[in-house]
Amino acid sequence: MQEIKAPWNIKRELLTKSEDETDPKYGYKPEERPYPDIIRFGIINLDKPPGPSSHEVTAWIKRILSINHAGHGGTLEPIAVS
């Protein structure tokens, strides 16, 4: 019967299949991504305060960032905790 080793006793090594560069025509490194692409393809994680509606907050984002298209997924309404 095969001996089962404890996880901390197993020798592990990192396997790298190849070192390669990404072709710039397929995108950017996150730290090199241009501002217009961040706005166009980005996501804003927003903790909406109680009061304004989800549509109001979306309108504010569009106005602040000077963009024509924005939306929200799911509800932005706060959850009541009792």
C-alpha atoms as a PDB file:
ATOM      1  CA  MET A   1       0.000   0.000   0.000  1.00  0.00           C
ATOM      2  CA  GLN A   2       1.273   3.499  -0.896  1.00  0.00           C
ATOM      3  CA  GLU A   3       2.265   5.832   1.930  1.00  0.00           C
ATOM      4  CA  ILE A   4       0.273   9.081   2.041  1.00  0.00           C
ATOM      5  CA  LYS A   5       2.434  12.069   2.985  1.00  0.00           C
ATOM      6  CA  ALA A   6       1.217  15.072   4.904  1.00  0.00           C
ATOM      7  CA  PRO A   7       0.788  18.152   2.646  1.00  0.00           C
ATOM      8  CA  TRP A   8       3.661  19.998   4.339  1.00  0.00           C
ATOM      9  CA  ASN A   9       6.001  17.058   3.626  1.00  0.00           C
ATOM     10  CA  ILE A  10       5.340  17.019  -0.121  1.00  0.00           C
ATOM     11  CA  LYS A  11       8.079  18.666  -2.199  1.00  0.00           C
ATOM     12  CA  ARG A  12       6.506  20.999  -4.745  1.00  0.00           C
ATOM     13  CA  GLU A  13       8.066  22.920  -7.601  1.00  0.00           C
ATOM     14  CA  LEU A  14       6.764  25.584  -9.953  1.00  0.00           C
ATOM     15  CA  LEU A  15       6.458  24.425 -13.536  1.00  0.00           C
ATOM     16  CA  THR A  16       6.733  27.127 -16.205  1.00  0.00           C
ATOM     17  CA  LYS A  17       5.846  25.863 -19.669  1.00  0.00           C
ATOM     18  CA  SER A  18       7.346  28.813 -21.534  1.00  0.00           C
ATOM     19  CA  GLU A  19       8.449  32.372 -21.104  1.00  0.00           C
ATOM     20  CA  ASP A  20       6.785  34.536 -23.725  1.00  0.00           C
ATOM     21  CA  GLU A  21       5.635  38.073 -24.409  1.00  0.00           C
ATOM     22  CA  THR A  22       2.023  38.945 -25.165  1.00  0.00           C
ATOM     23  CA  ASP A  23       1.513  40.550 -28.558  1.00  0.00           C
ATOM     24  CA  PRO A  24       0.461  44.192 -27.872  1.00  0.00           C
ATOM     25  CA  LYS A  25      -2.333  43.921 -30.467  1.00  0.00           C
ATOM     26  CA  TYR A  26      -4.137  41.603 -27.991  1.00  0.00           C
ATOM     27  CA  GLY A  27      -4.151  43.993 -25.059  1.00  0.00           C
ATOM     28  CA  TYR A  28      -2.046  45.630 -22.364  1.00  0.00           C
ATOM     29  CA  LYS A  29      -0.506  44.816 -19.035  1.00  0.00           C
ATOM     30  CA  PRO A  30      -2.903  46.207 -16.398  1.00  0.00           C
ATOM     31  CA  GLU A  31      -0.417  48.855 -15.248  1.00  0.00           C
ATOM     32  CA  GLU A  32       0.110  50.008 -18.867  1.00  0.00           C
ATOM     33  CA  ARG A  33      -3.563  50.091 -19.921  1.00  0.00           C
ATOM     34  CA  PRO A  34      -4.503  53.519 -21.387  1.00  0.00           C
ATOM     35  CA  TYR A  35      -7.158  55.571 -19.583  1.00  0.00           C
ATOM     36  CA  PRO A  36      -9.749  55.402 -22.434  1.00  0.00           C
ATOM     37  CA  ASP A  37      -9.593  51.580 -22.354  1.00  0.00           C
ATOM     38  CA  ILE A  38     -10.005  51.538 -18.572  1.00  0.00           C
ATOM     39  CA  ILE A  39     -13.174  53.622 -18.940  1.00  0.00           C
ATOM     40  CA  ARG A  40     -14.454  51.653 -21.949  1.00  0.00           C
ATOM     41  CA  PHE A  41     -13.918  48.155 -20.556  1.00  0.00           C
ATOM     42  CA  GLY A  42     -13.764  48.800 -16.821  1.00  0.00           C
ATOM     43  CA  ILE A  43     -16.013  47.947 -13.926  1.00  0.00           C
ATOM     44  CA  ILE A  44     -16.696  50.233 -10.981  1.00  0.00           C
ATOM     45  CA  ASN A  45     -17.315  48.444  -7.699  1.00  0.00           C
ATOM     46  CA  LEU A  46     -19.586  50.908  -5.923  1.00  0.00           C
ATOM     47  CA  ASP A  47     -20.965  50.825  -2.389  1.00  0.00           C
ATOM     48  CA  LYS A  48     -24.125  52.863  -3.005  1.00  0.00           C
ATOM     49  CA  PRO A  49     -25.336  54.836   0.003  1.00  0.00           C
ATOM     50  CA  PRO A  50     -29.003  54.725   0.994  1.00  0.00           C
ATOM     51  CA  GLY A  51     -31.076  57.436  -0.638  1.00  0.00           C
ATOM     52  CA  PRO A  52     -30.297  57.867  -4.344  1.00  0.00           C
ATOM     53  CA  SER A  53     -31.754  55.314  -6.746  1.00  0.00           C
ATOM     54  CA  SER A  54     -29.612  52.988  -8.844  1.00  0.00           C
ATOM     55  CA  HIS A  55     -30.563  54.998 -11.940  1.00  0.00           C
ATOM     56  CA  GLU A  56     -29.478  58.241 -10.267  1.00  0.00           C
ATOM     57  CA  VAL A  57     -26.077  56.815  -9.351  1.00  0.00           C
ATOM     58  CA  THR A  58     -25.626  55.489 -12.906  1.00  0.00           C
ATOM     59  CA  ALA A  59     -26.469  58.971 -14.266  1.00  0.00           C
ATOM     60  CA  TRP A  60     -23.904  60.531 -11.900  1.00  0.00           C
ATOM     61  CA  ILE A  61     -21.209  58.110 -13.107  1.00  0.00           C
ATOM     62  CA  LYS A  62     -22.001  58.934 -16.742  1.00  0.00           C
ATOM     63  CA  ARG A  63     -21.825  62.666 -16.040  1.00  0.00           C
ATOM     64  CA  ILE A  64     -18.658  62.508 -13.890  1.00  0.00           C
ATOM     65  CA  LEU A  65     -16.760  60.346 -16.421  1.00  0.00           C
ATOM     66  CA  SER A  66     -18.235  62.084 -19.511  1.00  0.00           C
ATOM     67  CA  ILE A  67     -19.386  58.792 -21.041  1.00  0.00           C
ATOM     68  CA  ASN A  68     -22.533  57.904 -22.977  1.00  0.00           C
ATOM     69  CA  HIS A  69     -23.017  54.296 -21.875  1.00  0.00           C
ATOM     70  CA  ALA A  70     -23.134  52.942 -18.335  1.00  0.00           C
ATOM     71  CA  GLY A  71     -25.383  50.593 -16.456  1.00  0.00           C
ATOM     72  CA  HIS A  72     -25.656  48.478 -13.363  1.00  0.00           C
ATOM     73  CA  GLY A  73     -25.944  44.771 -12.835  1.00  0.00           C
ATOM     74  CA  GLY A  74     -28.270  43.526 -10.178  1.00  0.00           C
ATOM     75  CA  THR A  75     -29.490  45.742  -7.425  1.00  0.00           C
ATOM     76  CA  LEU A  76     -27.579  48.588  -5.877  1.00  0.00           C
ATOM     77  CA  GLU A  77     -30.067  48.917  -3.044  1.00  0.00           C
ATOM     78  CA  PRO A  78     -28.626  48.398   0.431  1.00  0.00           C
ATOM     79  CA  ILE A  79     -29.639  45.307   2.363  1.00  0.00           C
ATOM     80  CA  ALA A  80     -31.470  45.945   5.627  1.00  0.00           C
ATOM     81  CA  VAL A  81     -29.741  44.164   8.491  1.00  0.00           C
ATOM     82  CA  SER A  82     -31.764  43.493  11.612  1.00  0.00           C
END
